[in-house]
PDB file of N, CA and C in Angstrom:
ATOM      1  N   UNK A   1      37.154  -1.760   1.507  1.00  0.00           N
ATOM      2  CA  UNK A   1      35.935  -1.030   1.237  1.00  0.00           C
ATOM      3  C   UNK A   1      35.103  -1.853   0.238  1.00  0.00           C
ATOM      4  N   UNK A   2      33.754  -1.871   0.533  1.00  0.00           N
ATOM      5  CA  UNK A   2      32.855  -2.593  -0.345  1.00  0.00           C
ATOM      6  C   UNK A   2      31.779  -1.527  -0.826  1.00  0.00           C
ATOM      7  N   UNK A   3      31.274  -1.745  -2.024  1.00  0.00           N
ATOM      8  CA  UNK A   3      30.344  -0.864  -2.649  1.00  0.00           C
ATOM      9  C   UNK A   3      29.209  -1.730  -3.287  1.00  0.00           C
ATOM     10  N   UNK A   4      28.013  -1.272  -3.152  1.00  0.00           N
ATOM     11  CA  UNK A   4      26.856  -1.957  -3.760  1.00  0.00           C
ATOM     12  C   UNK A   4      25.752  -0.960  -4.047  1.00  0.00           C
ATOM     13  N   UNK A   5      25.033  -1.195  -5.125  1.00  0.00           N
ATOM     14  CA  UNK A   5      23.922  -0.280  -5.541  1.00  0.00           C
ATOM     15  C   UNK A   5      22.615  -0.961  -5.327  1.00  0.00           C
ATOM     16  N   UNK A   6      21.645  -0.214  -4.761  1.00  0.00           N
ATOM     17  CA  UNK A   6      20.320  -0.708  -4.460  1.00  0.00           C
ATOM     18  C   UNK A   6      19.232   0.216  -5.102  1.00  0.00           C
ATOM     19  N   UNK A   7      18.158  -0.387  -5.517  1.00  0.00           N
ATOM     20  CA  UNK A   7      17.003   0.394  -6.046  1.00  0.00           C
ATOM     21  C   UNK A   7      16.016   0.682  -4.973  1.00  0.00           C
ATOM     22  N   UNK A   8      15.612   1.877  -4.775  1.00  0.00           N
ATOM     23  CA  UNK A   8      14.617   2.278  -3.756  1.00  0.00           C
ATOM     24  C   UNK A   8      13.244   1.858  -4.234  1.00  0.00           C
ATOM     25  N   UNK A   9      12.622   0.944  -3.448  1.00  0.00           N
ATOM     26  CA  UNK A   9      11.289   0.405  -3.793  1.00  0.00           C
ATOM     27  C   UNK A   9      10.099   1.110  -3.191  1.00  0.00           C
ATOM     28  N   UNK A  10      10.387   1.976  -2.163  1.00  0.00           N
ATOM     29  CA  UNK A  10       9.285   2.667  -1.468  1.00  0.00           C
ATOM     30  C   UNK A  10       8.679   3.683  -2.432  1.00  0.00           C
ATOM     31  N   UNK A  11       7.401   3.600  -2.728  1.00  0.00           N
ATOM     32  CA  UNK A  11       6.771   4.562  -3.648  1.00  0.00           C
ATOM     33  C   UNK A  11       6.876   6.053  -3.197  1.00  0.00           C
ATOM     34  N   UNK A  12       7.077   6.215  -1.928  1.00  0.00           N
ATOM     35  CA  UNK A  12       7.231   7.590  -1.321  1.00  0.00           C
ATOM     36  C   UNK A  12       8.715   8.008  -1.331  1.00  0.00           C
ATOM     37  N   UNK A  13       9.586   7.197  -1.795  1.00  0.00           N
ATOM     38  CA  UNK A  13      10.992   7.521  -1.760  1.00  0.00           C
ATOM     39  C   UNK A  13      11.571   7.190  -0.353  1.00  0.00           C
ATOM     40  N   UNK A  14      12.785   7.733  -0.109  1.00  0.00           N
ATOM     41  CA  UNK A  14      13.389   7.482   1.174  1.00  0.00           C
ATOM     42  C   UNK A  14      13.245   8.805   1.974  1.00  0.00           C
ATOM     43  N   UNK A  15      12.139   8.916   2.705  1.00  0.00           N
ATOM     44  CA  UNK A  15      11.774  10.125   3.393  1.00  0.00           C
ATOM     45  C   UNK A  15      12.257  10.023   4.871  1.00  0.00           C
ATOM     46  N   UNK A  16      11.736  11.017   5.690  1.00  0.00           N
ATOM     47  CA  UNK A  16      12.234  11.146   7.030  1.00  0.00           C
ATOM     48  C   UNK A  16      12.218   9.849   7.929  1.00  0.00           C
ATOM     49  N   UNK A  17      11.134   9.163   7.932  1.00  0.00           N
ATOM     50  CA  UNK A  17      11.027   7.957   8.798  1.00  0.00           C
ATOM     51  C   UNK A  17      12.025   6.901   8.354  1.00  0.00           C
ATOM     52  N   UNK A  18      12.104   6.501   7.146  1.00  0.00           N
ATOM     53  CA  UNK A  18      13.144   5.442   6.822  1.00  0.00           C
ATOM     54  C   UNK A  18      14.579   5.989   6.977  1.00  0.00           C
ATOM     55  N   UNK A  19      14.762   7.239   6.713  1.00  0.00           N
ATOM     56  CA  UNK A  19      16.064   7.830   6.927  1.00  0.00           C
ATOM     57  C   UNK A  19      16.448   7.719   8.376  1.00  0.00           C
ATOM     58  N   UNK A  20      15.567   8.017   9.290  1.00  0.00           N
ATOM     59  CA  UNK A  20      15.883   7.892  10.734  1.00  0.00           C
ATOM     60  C   UNK A  20      16.234   6.442  11.080  1.00  0.00           C
ATOM     61  N   UNK A  21      15.468   5.489  10.569  1.00  0.00           N
ATOM     62  CA  UNK A  21      15.749   4.036  10.839  1.00  0.00           C
ATOM     63  C   UNK A  21      17.135   3.676  10.305  1.00  0.00           C
ATOM     64  N   UNK A  22      17.415   4.158   9.064  1.00  0.00           N
ATOM     65  CA  UNK A  22      18.708   3.855   8.372  1.00  0.00           C
ATOM     66  C   UNK A  22      19.868   4.415   9.185  1.00  0.00           C
ATOM     67  N   UNK A  23      19.752   5.653   9.605  1.00  0.00           N
ATOM     68  CA  UNK A  23      20.881   6.357  10.346  1.00  0.00           C
ATOM     69  C   UNK A  23      21.083   5.675  11.692  1.00  0.00           C
ATOM     70  N   UNK A  24      19.984   5.271  12.402  1.00  0.00           N
ATOM     71  CA  UNK A  24      20.129   4.597  13.649  1.00  0.00           C
ATOM     72  C   UNK A  24      20.899   3.296  13.476  1.00  0.00           C
ATOM     73  N   UNK A  25      20.556   2.572  12.424  1.00  0.00           N
ATOM     74  CA  UNK A  25      21.215   1.265  12.124  1.00  0.00           C
ATOM     75  C   UNK A  25      22.689   1.505  11.769  1.00  0.00           C
ATOM     76  N   UNK A  26      22.899   2.461  10.884  1.00  0.00           N
ATOM     77  CA  UNK A  26      24.315   2.735  10.457  1.00  0.00           C
ATOM     78  C   UNK A  26      25.209   3.118  11.568  1.00  0.00           C
ATOM     79  N   UNK A  27      24.627   3.864  12.576  1.00  0.00           N
ATOM     80  CA  UNK A  27      25.362   4.324  13.670  1.00  0.00           C
ATOM     81  C   UNK A  27      25.827   3.201  14.621  1.00  0.00           C
ATOM     82  N   UNK A  28      25.214   2.031  14.498  1.00  0.00           N
ATOM     83  CA  UNK A  28      25.539   0.927  15.346  1.00  0.00           C
ATOM     84  C   UNK A  28      26.851   0.237  14.879  1.00  0.00           C
ATOM     85  N   UNK A  29      27.318   0.575  13.714  1.00  0.00           N
ATOM     86  CA  UNK A  29      28.524  -0.071  13.176  1.00  0.00           C
ATOM     87  C   UNK A  29      29.751   0.902  13.271  1.00  0.00           C
ATOM     88  N   UNK A  30      30.949   0.344  13.574  1.00  0.00           N
ATOM     89  CA  UNK A  30      32.123   1.206  13.719  1.00  0.00           C
ATOM     90  C   UNK A  30      32.699   1.645  12.345  1.00  0.00           C
ATOM     91  N   UNK A  31      32.188   1.050  11.218  1.00  0.00           N
ATOM     92  CA  UNK A  31      32.749   1.413   9.926  1.00  0.00           C
ATOM     93  C   UNK A  31      32.219   2.712   9.395  1.00  0.00           C
ATOM     94  N   UNK A  32      32.845   3.246   8.364  1.00  0.00           N
ATOM     95  CA  UNK A  32      32.409   4.458   7.709  1.00  0.00           C
ATOM     96  C   UNK A  32      31.350   4.104   6.701  1.00  0.00           C
ATOM     97  N   UNK A  33      30.243   4.814   6.624  1.00  0.00           N
ATOM     98  CA  UNK A  33      29.118   4.604   5.761  1.00  0.00           C
ATOM     99  C   UNK A  33      28.865   5.825   4.905  1.00  0.00           C
ATOM    100  N   UNK A  34      28.989   5.656   3.573  1.00  0.00           N
ATOM    101  CA  UNK A  34      28.697   6.725   2.690  1.00  0.00           C
ATOM    102  C   UNK A  34      27.539   6.298   1.819  1.00  0.00           C
ATOM    103  N   UNK A  35      26.652   7.253   1.517  1.00  0.00           N
ATOM    104  CA  UNK A  35      25.483   6.971   0.614  1.00  0.00           C
ATOM    105  C   UNK A  35      25.666   7.878  -0.580  1.00  0.00           C
ATOM    106  N   UNK A  36      25.482   7.340  -1.774  1.00  0.00           N
ATOM    107  CA  UNK A  36      25.671   8.129  -3.014  1.00  0.00           C
ATOM    108  C   UNK A  36      24.425   8.046  -3.852  1.00  0.00           C
ATOM    109  N   UNK A  37      23.901   9.275  -4.208  1.00  0.00           N
ATOM    110  CA  UNK A  37      22.687   9.321  -5.065  1.00  0.00           C
ATOM    111  C   UNK A  37      22.940  10.461  -6.050  1.00  0.00           C
ATOM    112  N   UNK A  38      22.815  10.126  -7.324  1.00  0.00           N
ATOM    113  CA  UNK A  38      22.932  11.123  -8.441  1.00  0.00           C
ATOM    114  C   UNK A  38      24.252  11.853  -8.354  1.00  0.00           C
ATOM    115  N   UNK A  39      25.325  11.176  -8.023  1.00  0.00           N
ATOM    116  CA  UNK A  39      26.649  11.730  -7.985  1.00  0.00           C
ATOM    117  C   UNK A  39      27.037  12.494  -6.691  1.00  0.00           C
ATOM    118  N   UNK A  40      26.070  12.586  -5.760  1.00  0.00           N
ATOM    119  CA  UNK A  40      26.339  13.285  -4.465  1.00  0.00           C
ATOM    120  C   UNK A  40      26.564  12.255  -3.417  1.00  0.00           C
ATOM    121  N   UNK A  41      27.649  12.362  -2.688  1.00  0.00           N
ATOM    122  CA  UNK A  41      28.014  11.400  -1.582  1.00  0.00           C
ATOM    123  C   UNK A  41      27.915  12.144  -0.235  1.00  0.00           C
ATOM    124  N   UNK A  42      27.212  11.441   0.679  1.00  0.00           N
ATOM    125  CA  UNK A  42      27.052  12.035   1.984  1.00  0.00           C
ATOM    126  C   UNK A  42      27.321  10.933   3.091  1.00  0.00           C
ATOM    127  N   UNK A  43      27.513  11.375   4.340  1.00  0.00           N
ATOM    128  CA  UNK A  43      27.667  10.488   5.491  1.00  0.00           C
ATOM    129  C   UNK A  43      26.363   9.798   5.814  1.00  0.00           C
ATOM    130  N   UNK A  44      26.338   8.486   5.748  1.00  0.00           N
ATOM    131  CA  UNK A  44      25.155   7.745   6.016  1.00  0.00           C
ATOM    132  C   UNK A  44      24.748   7.636   7.503  1.00  0.00           C
ATOM    133  N   UNK A  45      25.555   8.285   8.319  1.00  0.00           N
ATOM    134  CA  UNK A  45      25.216   8.313   9.761  1.00  0.00           C
ATOM    135  C   UNK A  45      24.682   9.661  10.219  1.00  0.00           C
ATOM    136  N   UNK A  46      24.323  10.490   9.218  1.00  0.00           N
ATOM    137  CA  UNK A  46      23.801  11.869   9.472  1.00  0.00           C
ATOM    138  C   UNK A  46      22.478  11.988   8.789  1.00  0.00           C
ATOM    139  N   UNK A  47      21.397  12.174   9.638  1.00  0.00           N
ATOM    140  CA  UNK A  47      20.022  12.343   9.069  1.00  0.00           C
ATOM    141  C   UNK A  47      19.967  13.559   8.140  1.00  0.00           C
ATOM    142  N   UNK A  48      20.547  14.665   8.619  1.00  0.00           N
ATOM    143  CA  UNK A  48      20.519  15.845   7.805  1.00  0.00           C
ATOM    144  C   UNK A  48      21.141  15.662   6.423  1.00  0.00           C
ATOM    145  N   UNK A  49      22.331  15.037   6.460  1.00  0.00           N
ATOM    146  CA  UNK A  49      23.054  14.789   5.172  1.00  0.00           C
ATOM    147  C   UNK A  49      22.214  13.855   4.281  1.00  0.00           C
ATOM    148  N   UNK A  50      21.620  12.845   4.854  1.00  0.00           N
ATOM    149  CA  UNK A  50      20.800  11.914   4.075  1.00  0.00           C
ATOM    150  C   UNK A  50      19.625  12.630   3.385  1.00  0.00           C
ATOM    151  N   UNK A  51      19.030  13.563   4.187  1.00  0.00           N
ATOM    152  CA  UNK A  51      17.851  14.326   3.670  1.00  0.00           C
ATOM    153  C   UNK A  51      18.196  15.125   2.443  1.00  0.00           C
ATOM    154  N   UNK A  52      19.447  15.591   2.401  1.00  0.00           N
ATOM    155  CA  UNK A  52      19.874  16.465   1.272  1.00  0.00           C
ATOM    156  C   UNK A  52      19.981  15.644  -0.038  1.00  0.00           C
ATOM    157  N   UNK A  53      20.004  14.320   0.051  1.00  0.00           N
ATOM    158  CA  UNK A  53      20.088  13.514  -1.190  1.00  0.00           C
ATOM    159  C   UNK A  53      18.764  13.502  -1.982  1.00  0.00           C
ATOM    160  N   UNK A  54      17.661  13.766  -1.278  1.00  0.00           N
ATOM    161  CA  UNK A  54      16.354  13.750  -1.992  1.00  0.00           C
ATOM    162  C   UNK A  54      16.072  12.439  -2.696  1.00  0.00           C
ATOM    163  N   UNK A  55      16.284  11.348  -1.993  1.00  0.00           N
ATOM    164  CA  UNK A  55      16.142   9.997  -2.634  1.00  0.00           C
ATOM    165  C   UNK A  55      14.670   9.711  -2.931  1.00  0.00           C
ATOM    166  N   UNK A  56      14.351   9.494  -4.203  1.00  0.00           N
ATOM    167  CA  UNK A  56      13.006   9.232  -4.671  1.00  0.00           C
ATOM    168  C   UNK A  56      12.806   7.751  -5.027  1.00  0.00           C
ATOM    169  N   UNK A  57      11.519   7.373  -5.173  1.00  0.00           N
ATOM    170  CA  UNK A  57      11.207   5.998  -5.601  1.00  0.00           C
ATOM    171  C   UNK A  57      11.955   5.695  -6.904  1.00  0.00           C
ATOM    172  N   UNK A  58      12.480   4.489  -7.031  1.00  0.00           N
ATOM    173  CA  UNK A  58      13.172   3.957  -8.194  1.00  0.00           C
ATOM    174  C   UNK A  58      14.602   4.565  -8.372  1.00  0.00           C
ATOM    175  N   UNK A  59      15.069   5.415  -7.504  1.00  0.00           N
ATOM    176  CA  UNK A  59      16.422   5.906  -7.568  1.00  0.00           C
ATOM    177  C   UNK A  59      17.332   4.719  -7.297  1.00  0.00           C
ATOM    178  N   UNK A  60      18.510   4.798  -7.878  1.00  0.00           N
ATOM    179  CA  UNK A  60      19.563   3.765  -7.581  1.00  0.00           C
ATOM    180  C   UNK A  60      20.540   4.428  -6.661  1.00  0.00           C
ATOM    181  N   UNK A  61      20.674   3.885  -5.455  1.00  0.00           N
ATOM    182  CA  UNK A  61      21.514   4.493  -4.416  1.00  0.00           C
ATOM    183  C   UNK A  61      22.654   3.523  -4.134  1.00  0.00           C
ATOM    184  N   UNK A  62      23.853   4.069  -4.050  1.00  0.00           N
ATOM    185  CA  UNK A  62      25.058   3.272  -3.817  1.00  0.00           C
ATOM    186  C   UNK A  62      25.500   3.447  -2.353  1.00  0.00           C
ATOM    187  N   UNK A  63      25.755   2.316  -1.740  1.00  0.00           N
ATOM    188  CA  UNK A  63      26.301   2.261  -0.409  1.00  0.00           C
ATOM    189  C   UNK A  63      27.833   2.014  -0.548  1.00  0.00           C
ATOM    190  N   UNK A  64      28.627   2.800   0.124  1.00  0.00           N
ATOM    191  CA  UNK A  64      30.058   2.610   0.215  1.00  0.00           C
ATOM    192  C   UNK A  64      30.424   2.487   1.645  1.00  0.00           C
ATOM    193  N   UNK A  65      30.919   1.305   2.032  1.00  0.00           N
ATOM    194  CA  UNK A  65      31.159   1.000   3.425  1.00  0.00           C
ATOM    195  C   UNK A  65      32.584   0.583   3.572  1.00  0.00           C
ATOM    196  N   UNK A  66      33.273   1.135   4.600  1.00  0.00           N
ATOM    197  CA  UNK A  66      34.681   0.799   4.796  1.00  0.00           C
ATOM    198  C   UNK A  66      34.996   0.713   6.306  1.00  0.00           C
ATOM    199  N   UNK A  67      35.567  -0.400   6.670  1.00  0.00           N
ATOM    200  CA  UNK A  67      36.053  -0.578   8.047  1.00  0.00           C
ATOM    201  C   UNK A  67      35.534  -1.853   8.650  1.00  0.00           C
ATOM    202  N   UNK A  68      35.643  -1.928  10.002  1.00  0.00           N
ATOM    203  CA  UNK A  68      35.178  -3.103  10.734  1.00  0.00           C
ATOM    204  C   UNK A  68      33.680  -3.391  10.479  1.00  0.00           C
ATOM    205  N   UNK A  69      33.359  -4.622  10.357  1.00  0.00           N
ATOM    206  CA  UNK A  69      31.951  -5.124  10.186  1.00  0.00           C
ATOM    207  C   UNK A  69      31.338  -4.570   8.941  1.00  0.00           C
ATOM    208  N   UNK A  70      32.100  -4.260   7.898  1.00  0.00           N
ATOM    209  CA  UNK A  70      31.517  -3.693   6.691  1.00  0.00           C
ATOM    210  C   UNK A  70      30.598  -4.662   5.948  1.00  0.00           C
ATOM    211  N   UNK A  71      30.843  -5.984   5.990  1.00  0.00           N
ATOM    212  CA  UNK A  71      29.991  -6.941   5.311  1.00  0.00           C
ATOM    213  C   UNK A  71      28.628  -7.020   6.004  1.00  0.00           C
ATOM    214  N   UNK A  72      28.597  -7.042   7.348  1.00  0.00           N
ATOM    215  CA  UNK A  72      27.402  -7.059   8.129  1.00  0.00           C
ATOM    216  C   UNK A  72      26.617  -5.767   7.942  1.00  0.00           C
ATOM    217  N   UNK A  73      27.300  -4.661   7.910  1.00  0.00           N
ATOM    218  CA  UNK A  73      26.685  -3.380   7.776  1.00  0.00           C
ATOM    219  C   UNK A  73      26.041  -3.300   6.382  1.00  0.00           C
ATOM    220  N   UNK A  74      26.697  -3.788   5.320  1.00  0.00           N
ATOM    221  CA  UNK A  74      26.178  -3.749   4.004  1.00  0.00           C
ATOM    222  C   UNK A  74      24.862  -4.549   3.938  1.00  0.00           C
ATOM    223  N   UNK A  75      24.856  -5.700   4.541  1.00  0.00           N
ATOM    224  CA  UNK A  75      23.618  -6.568   4.492  1.00  0.00           C
ATOM    225  C   UNK A  75      22.418  -5.810   5.182  1.00  0.00           C
ATOM    226  N   UNK A  76      22.709  -5.322   6.400  1.00  0.00           N
ATOM    227  CA  UNK A  76      21.652  -4.694   7.169  1.00  0.00           C
ATOM    228  C   UNK A  76      21.126  -3.439   6.510  1.00  0.00           C
ATOM    229  N   UNK A  77      22.092  -2.552   6.108  1.00  0.00           N
ATOM    230  CA  UNK A  77      21.680  -1.301   5.541  1.00  0.00           C
ATOM    231  C   UNK A  77      21.143  -1.424   4.077  1.00  0.00           C
ATOM    232  N   UNK A  78      21.640  -2.337   3.355  1.00  0.00           N
ATOM    233  CA  UNK A  78      21.076  -2.613   2.027  1.00  0.00           C
ATOM    234  C   UNK A  78      19.610  -3.065   2.128  1.00  0.00           C
ATOM    235  N   UNK A  79      19.329  -3.912   3.106  1.00  0.00           N
ATOM    236  CA  UNK A  79      18.010  -4.392   3.306  1.00  0.00           C
ATOM    237  C   UNK A  79      17.061  -3.236   3.643  1.00  0.00           C
ATOM    238  N   UNK A  80      17.570  -2.295   4.438  1.00  0.00           N
ATOM    239  CA  UNK A  80      16.768  -1.146   4.808  1.00  0.00           C
ATOM    240  C   UNK A  80      16.452  -0.238   3.655  1.00  0.00           C
ATOM    241  N   UNK A  81      17.404  -0.138   2.743  1.00  0.00           N
ATOM    242  CA  UNK A  81      17.183   0.707   1.528  1.00  0.00           C
ATOM    243  C   UNK A  81      16.027   0.169   0.648  1.00  0.00           C
ATOM    244  N   UNK A  82      15.934  -1.177   0.517  1.00  0.00           N
ATOM    245  CA  UNK A  82      15.004  -1.689  -0.421  1.00  0.00           C
ATOM    246  C   UNK A  82      13.629  -2.027   0.172  1.00  0.00           C
ATOM    247  N   UNK A  83      13.476  -1.893   1.525  1.00  0.00           N
ATOM    248  CA  UNK A  83      12.235  -2.194   2.145  1.00  0.00           C
ATOM    249  C   UNK A  83      11.195  -1.144   1.771  1.00  0.00           C
ATOM    250  N   UNK A  84       9.950  -1.490   1.724  1.00  0.00           N
ATOM    251  CA  UNK A  84       8.871  -0.555   1.535  1.00  0.00           C
ATOM    252  C   UNK A  84       8.309  -0.138   2.918  1.00  0.00           C
ATOM    253  N   UNK A  85       8.425   1.170   3.172  1.00  0.00           N
ATOM    254  CA  UNK A  85       7.998   1.746   4.433  1.00  0.00           C
ATOM    255  C   UNK A  85       6.722   2.469   4.264  1.00  0.00           C
ATOM    256  N   UNK A  86       5.919   2.546   5.300  1.00  0.00           N
ATOM    257  CA  UNK A  86       4.649   3.267   5.293  1.00  0.00           C
ATOM    258  C   UNK A  86       4.952   4.760   5.446  1.00  0.00           C
TER     259      UNK A  86
END
């Protein structure tokens, strides 16, 4: 298992559109993906679960990835967390 923390750079936070992109990318990997924000941990492959985190701009979000292709998943998903989306 690997864990890494990322700062959300999008001024609008991590809203529906970036969550959809994140979940689609996470679902491509066979590993388990958890996202943690303010002490709450959810399944990173579930849009509804991700929405419950209420991720805002400048929040520090931790990715916890375990299983096959975890290194590749961490790079891809971490990049998505810090991108600025419209």
